[in-house]
Amino acid sequence: MDAKVIWQQGLSFTGTSNSGFEVPIGTDFDSGGNNDGFRPLELMGVSLAGCTAMDVVSILQKKQQKVTAFDVKVHADQAADHPKVFTRTFITYLVTGHGLDEKALRRSIELSTTKYCPAVAMLDKVAPIEFCYEIYEGEGSDDRKLVKTGTYVISQP
């Protein structure tokens, strides 16, 4: 994979990679920016969420689970001092559907976090990641009922 950023002005950049898509990168006014793009560490959070989300929803579909809505939230605690690295990360899978099997969801998370998702594999080496899930019955985010919550812990070798 190759990636680059192209300076636009001030602290504003455009990021691109092999896929050819572009993403605006910037910072807030207090840091000298124009508040016109993702912060670099925000992109790490989005990358982490997107990587595991693609795995989990794909595996759930292969397991013939009836998913009607699917969100992955990432919250990262950061060190108070520079370079303000992630010190602990929390990933929450919000899965809505009909008759979803908790065991299938747990297995999907397991496969993503231990076998398929390179973002989890890399970031888990530097700071702990906690995985939680919420299973909802319903059509989508606006019409659903919480039926089960749980956590998944990566087994350490």
C-alpha atoms as a PDB file:
ATOM      1  CA  MET A   1       0.000   0.000   0.000  1.00  0.00           C
ATOM      2  CA  ASP A   2       1.155   3.497  -0.794  1.00  0.00           C
ATOM      3  CA  ALA A   3      -0.351   6.649   0.673  1.00  0.00           C
ATOM      4  CA  LYS A   4       0.452  10.325   0.514  1.00  0.00           C
ATOM      5  CA  VAL A   5      -0.790  13.704   1.614  1.00  0.00           C
ATOM      6  CA  ILE A   6      -0.686  16.808  -0.540  1.00  0.00           C
ATOM      7  CA  TRP A   7      -0.404  20.158   1.176  1.00  0.00           C
ATOM      8  CA  GLN A   8      -3.202  22.559   0.287  1.00  0.00           C
ATOM      9  CA  GLN A   9      -2.515  25.553   2.573  1.00  0.00           C
ATOM     10  CA  GLY A  10      -1.774  26.256   6.220  1.00  0.00           C
ATOM     11  CA  LEU A  11      -2.333  22.940   8.001  1.00  0.00           C
ATOM     12  CA  SER A  12      -4.735  21.574   5.363  1.00  0.00           C
ATOM     13  CA  PHE A  13      -3.887  18.499   3.303  1.00  0.00           C
ATOM     14  CA  THR A  14      -5.568  16.058   0.958  1.00  0.00           C
ATOM     15  CA  GLY A  15      -4.792  12.402   1.607  1.00  0.00           C
ATOM     16  CA  THR A  16      -4.905   9.740  -1.054  1.00  0.00           C
ATOM     17  CA  SER A  17      -3.860   6.134  -1.519  1.00  0.00           C
ATOM     18  CA  ASN A  18      -3.810   3.343  -4.110  1.00  0.00           C
ATOM     19  CA  SER A  19      -7.611   3.397  -4.388  1.00  0.00           C
ATOM     20  CA  GLY A  20      -7.486   6.971  -5.695  1.00  0.00           C
ATOM     21  CA  PHE A  21     -10.059   8.311  -3.250  1.00  0.00           C
ATOM     22  CA  GLU A  22      -9.300  11.534  -1.408  1.00  0.00           C
ATOM     23  CA  VAL A  23      -9.875  12.536   2.191  1.00  0.00           C
ATOM     24  CA  PRO A  24      -9.448  16.021   3.661  1.00  0.00           C
ATOM     25  CA  ILE A  25      -7.015  16.241   6.571  1.00  0.00           C
ATOM     26  CA  GLY A  26      -6.793  19.257   8.836  1.00  0.00           C
ATOM     27  CA  THR A  27      -6.855  20.471  12.396  1.00  0.00           C
ATOM     28  CA  ASP A  28      -8.823  22.866  14.570  1.00  0.00           C
ATOM     29  CA  PHE A  29      -8.470  26.630  14.754  1.00  0.00           C
ATOM     30  CA  ASP A  30      -6.741  26.462  18.166  1.00  0.00           C
ATOM     31  CA  SER A  31      -3.947  24.403  16.599  1.00  0.00           C
ATOM     32  CA  GLY A  32      -3.514  26.775  13.661  1.00  0.00           C
ATOM     33  CA  GLY A  33      -5.744  24.981  11.191  1.00  0.00           C
ATOM     34  CA  ASN A  34      -8.935  25.795   9.327  1.00  0.00           C
ATOM     35  CA  ASN A  35     -11.075  23.013  10.856  1.00  0.00           C
ATOM     36  CA  ASP A  36     -11.490  21.620   7.351  1.00  0.00           C
ATOM     37  CA  GLY A  37     -10.746  17.917   7.574  1.00  0.00           C
ATOM     38  CA  PHE A  38     -10.235  14.792   9.618  1.00  0.00           C
ATOM     39  CA  ARG A  39      -7.552  14.894  12.276  1.00  0.00           C
ATOM     40  CA  PRO A  40      -4.902  12.224  11.586  1.00  0.00           C
ATOM     41  CA  LEU A  41      -5.743  10.197  14.714  1.00  0.00           C
ATOM     42  CA  GLU A  42      -9.438  10.394  13.867  1.00  0.00           C
ATOM     43  CA  LEU A  43      -8.558   8.569  10.668  1.00  0.00           C
ATOM     44  CA  MET A  44      -6.908   5.837  12.749  1.00  0.00           C
ATOM     45  CA  GLY A  45     -10.193   5.423  14.626  1.00  0.00           C
ATOM     46  CA  VAL A  46     -12.208   5.361  11.409  1.00  0.00           C
ATOM     47  CA  SER A  47      -9.728   2.893   9.919  1.00  0.00           C
ATOM     48  CA  LEU A  48     -10.018   0.618  12.945  1.00  0.00           C
ATOM     49  CA  ALA A  49     -13.829   0.751  12.879  1.00  0.00           C
ATOM     50  CA  GLY A  50     -14.001   0.216   9.111  1.00  0.00           C
ATOM     51  CA  CYS A  51     -11.550  -2.668   9.088  1.00  0.00           C
ATOM     52  CA  THR A  52     -13.319  -4.745  11.729  1.00  0.00           C
ATOM     53  CA  ALA A  53     -16.786  -3.694  10.500  1.00  0.00           C
ATOM     54  CA  MET A  54     -16.142  -5.065   7.019  1.00  0.00           C
ATOM     55  CA  ASP A  55     -14.998  -8.366   8.488  1.00  0.00           C
ATOM     56  CA  VAL A  56     -17.810  -8.783  10.985  1.00  0.00           C
ATOM     57  CA  VAL A  57     -20.703  -7.849   8.698  1.00  0.00           C
ATOM     58  CA  SER A  58     -19.280 -10.027   5.901  1.00  0.00           C
ATOM     59  CA  ILE A  59     -18.945 -13.030   8.222  1.00  0.00           C
ATOM     60  CA  LEU A  60     -22.445 -12.466   9.638  1.00  0.00           C
ATOM     61  CA  GLN A  61     -23.841 -12.445   6.102  1.00  0.00           C
ATOM     62  CA  LYS A  62     -22.001 -15.687   5.306  1.00  0.00           C
ATOM     63  CA  LYS A  63     -23.554 -17.142   8.466  1.00  0.00           C
ATOM     64  CA  GLN A  64     -26.939 -16.114   7.015  1.00  0.00           C
ATOM     65  CA  GLN A  65     -27.722 -13.726   9.845  1.00  0.00           C
ATOM     66  CA  LYS A  66     -30.510 -11.279   9.036  1.00  0.00           C
ATOM     67  CA  VAL A  67     -28.718  -7.958   9.705  1.00  0.00           C
ATOM     68  CA  THR A  68     -30.788  -4.823   9.054  1.00  0.00           C
ATOM     69  CA  ALA A  69     -28.449  -2.197  10.551  1.00  0.00           C
ATOM     70  CA  PHE A  70     -24.828  -2.324  11.662  1.00  0.00           C
ATOM     71  CA  ASP A  71     -22.631   0.307  13.303  1.00  0.00           C
ATOM     72  CA  VAL A  72     -19.194   0.100  14.850  1.00  0.00           C
ATOM     73  CA  LYS A  73     -18.160   2.778  17.321  1.00  0.00           C
ATOM     74  CA  VAL A  74     -14.575   3.411  18.412  1.00  0.00           C
ATOM     75  CA  HIS A  75     -13.565   5.401  21.456  1.00  0.00           C
ATOM     76  CA  ALA A  76      -9.863   5.883  22.138  1.00  0.00           C
ATOM     77  CA  ASP A  77      -8.404   7.243  25.354  1.00  0.00           C
ATOM     78  CA  GLN A  78      -5.291   9.261  24.657  1.00  0.00           C
ATOM     79  CA  ALA A  79      -2.243  10.165  26.737  1.00  0.00           C
ATOM     80  CA  ALA A  80      -2.397  13.661  28.229  1.00  0.00           C
ATOM     81  CA  ASP A  81       1.072  14.576  26.970  1.00  0.00           C
ATOM     82  CA  HIS A  82       2.486  14.619  23.463  1.00  0.00           C
ATOM     83  CA  PRO A  83       2.553  12.581  21.335  1.00  0.00           C
ATOM     84  CA  LYS A  84      -0.909  11.815  22.833  1.00  0.00           C
ATOM     85  CA  VAL A  85      -0.927   8.184  21.715  1.00  0.00           C
ATOM     86  CA  PHE A  86      -3.895   5.888  22.208  1.00  0.00           C
ATOM     87  CA  THR A  87      -3.671   4.355  25.675  1.00  0.00           C
ATOM     88  CA  ARG A  88      -6.815   2.218  25.541  1.00  0.00           C
ATOM     89  CA  THR A  89      -9.399   1.674  22.827  1.00  0.00           C
ATOM     90  CA  PHE A  90     -13.017   0.572  23.054  1.00  0.00           C
ATOM     91  CA  ILE A  91     -14.855  -0.899  20.071  1.00  0.00           C
ATOM     92  CA  THR A  92     -18.624  -1.388  20.252  1.00  0.00           C
ATOM     93  CA  TYR A  93     -20.535  -3.325  17.600  1.00  0.00           C
ATOM     94  CA  LEU A  94     -24.229  -2.350  17.360  1.00  0.00           C
ATOM     95  CA  VAL A  95     -25.980  -5.057  15.359  1.00  0.00           C
ATOM     96  CA  THR A  96     -29.663  -4.887  14.499  1.00  0.00           C
ATOM     97  CA  GLY A  97     -31.611  -7.624  12.778  1.00  0.00           C
ATOM     98  CA  HIS A  98     -34.064 -10.469  13.144  1.00  0.00           C
ATOM     99  CA  GLY A  99     -33.287 -13.424  15.402  1.00  0.00           C
ATOM    100  CA  LEU A 100     -29.565 -12.692  15.472  1.00  0.00           C
ATOM    101  CA  ASP A 101     -27.469 -15.457  16.997  1.00  0.00           C
ATOM    102  CA  GLU A 102     -25.124 -14.164  19.714  1.00  0.00           C
ATOM    103  CA  LYS A 103     -22.748 -17.082  19.132  1.00  0.00           C
ATOM    104  CA  ALA A 104     -22.480 -16.165  15.424  1.00  0.00           C
ATOM    105  CA  LEU A 105     -21.745 -12.541  16.326  1.00  0.00           C
ATOM    106  CA  ARG A 106     -19.097 -13.515  18.889  1.00  0.00           C
ATOM    107  CA  ARG A 107     -17.431 -15.817  16.344  1.00  0.00           C
ATOM    108  CA  SER A 108     -17.507 -13.060  13.719  1.00  0.00           C
ATOM    109  CA  ILE A 109     -15.831 -10.663  16.149  1.00  0.00           C
ATOM    110  CA  GLU A 110     -13.307 -13.343  17.087  1.00  0.00           C
ATOM    111  CA  LEU A 111     -12.343 -13.987  13.465  1.00  0.00           C
ATOM    112  CA  SER A 112     -12.022 -10.281  12.736  1.00  0.00           C
ATOM    113  CA  THR A 113      -9.951  -9.491  15.808  1.00  0.00           C
ATOM    114  CA  THR A 114      -7.651 -12.525  15.744  1.00  0.00           C
ATOM    115  CA  LYS A 115      -7.330 -13.385  12.053  1.00  0.00           C
ATOM    116  CA  TYR A 116      -8.484 -10.833   9.492  1.00  0.00           C
ATOM    117  CA  CYS A 117      -8.296  -7.192  10.646  1.00  0.00           C
ATOM    118  CA  PRO A 118      -4.769  -5.770  10.334  1.00  0.00           C
ATOM    119  CA  ALA A 119      -5.782  -2.542  12.095  1.00  0.00           C
ATOM    120  CA  VAL A 120      -6.769  -4.473  15.244  1.00  0.00           C
ATOM    121  CA  ALA A 121      -3.635  -6.618  15.001  1.00  0.00           C
ATOM    122  CA  MET A 122      -1.377  -3.550  14.856  1.00  0.00           C
ATOM    123  CA  LEU A 123      -3.068  -1.317  17.407  1.00  0.00           C
ATOM    124  CA  ASP A 124      -3.636  -4.127  19.919  1.00  0.00           C
ATOM    125  CA  LYS A 125       0.160  -4.492  20.153  1.00  0.00           C
ATOM    126  CA  VAL A 126       0.555  -0.964  21.561  1.00  0.00           C
ATOM    127  CA  ALA A 127      -2.568  -0.403  23.665  1.00  0.00           C
ATOM    128  CA  PRO A 128      -5.332  -2.696  24.925  1.00  0.00           C
ATOM    129  CA  ILE A 129      -8.553  -2.900  22.949  1.00  0.00           C
ATOM    130  CA  GLU A 130     -11.862  -3.793  24.591  1.00  0.00           C
ATOM    131  CA  PHE A 131     -14.607  -5.238  22.377  1.00  0.00           C
ATOM    132  CA  CYS A 132     -18.293  -4.918  23.293  1.00  0.00           C
ATOM    133  CA  TYR A 133     -21.432  -5.679  21.380  1.00  0.00           C
ATOM    134  CA  GLU A 134     -25.112  -4.824  21.508  1.00  0.00           C
ATOM    135  CA  ILE A 135     -27.690  -6.959  19.732  1.00  0.00           C
ATOM    136  CA  TYR A 136     -30.965  -5.331  18.760  1.00  0.00           C
ATOM    137  CA  GLU A 137     -34.138  -6.800  17.308  1.00  0.00           C
ATOM    138  CA  GLY A 138     -35.708  -4.631  14.629  1.00  0.00           C
ATOM    139  CA  GLU A 139     -35.586  -3.042  11.221  1.00  0.00           C
ATOM    140  CA  GLY A 140     -32.940  -0.365  11.715  1.00  0.00           C
ATOM    141  CA  SER A 141     -31.418   2.171  14.070  1.00  0.00           C
ATOM    142  CA  ASP A 142     -34.723   4.020  14.564  1.00  0.00           C
ATOM    143  CA  ASP A 143     -36.940   0.977  15.102  1.00  0.00           C
ATOM    144  CA  ARG A 144     -35.204  -1.509  17.364  1.00  0.00           C
ATOM    145  CA  LYS A 145     -35.156  -3.062  20.828  1.00  0.00           C
ATOM    146  CA  LEU A 146     -32.002  -4.008  22.747  1.00  0.00           C
ATOM    147  CA  VAL A 147     -32.018  -7.756  23.449  1.00  0.00           C
ATOM    148  CA  LYS A 148     -28.434  -8.590  24.487  1.00  0.00           C
ATOM    149  CA  THR A 149     -25.110  -7.003  25.389  1.00  0.00           C
ATOM    150  CA  GLY A 150     -21.740  -8.619  25.877  1.00  0.00           C
ATOM    151  CA  THR A 151     -17.983  -8.351  25.642  1.00  0.00           C
ATOM    152  CA  TYR A 152     -15.364 -10.220  23.688  1.00  0.00           C
ATOM    153  CA  VAL A 153     -11.812 -10.640  24.950  1.00  0.00           C
ATOM    154  CA  ILE A 154      -8.957 -11.615  22.638  1.00  0.00           C
ATOM    155  CA  SER A 155      -7.297 -14.747  23.990  1.00  0.00           C
ATOM    156  CA  GLN A 156      -3.633 -14.081  24.631  1.00  0.00           C
ATOM    157  CA  PRO A 157      -1.274 -16.872  23.458  1.00  0.00           C
END
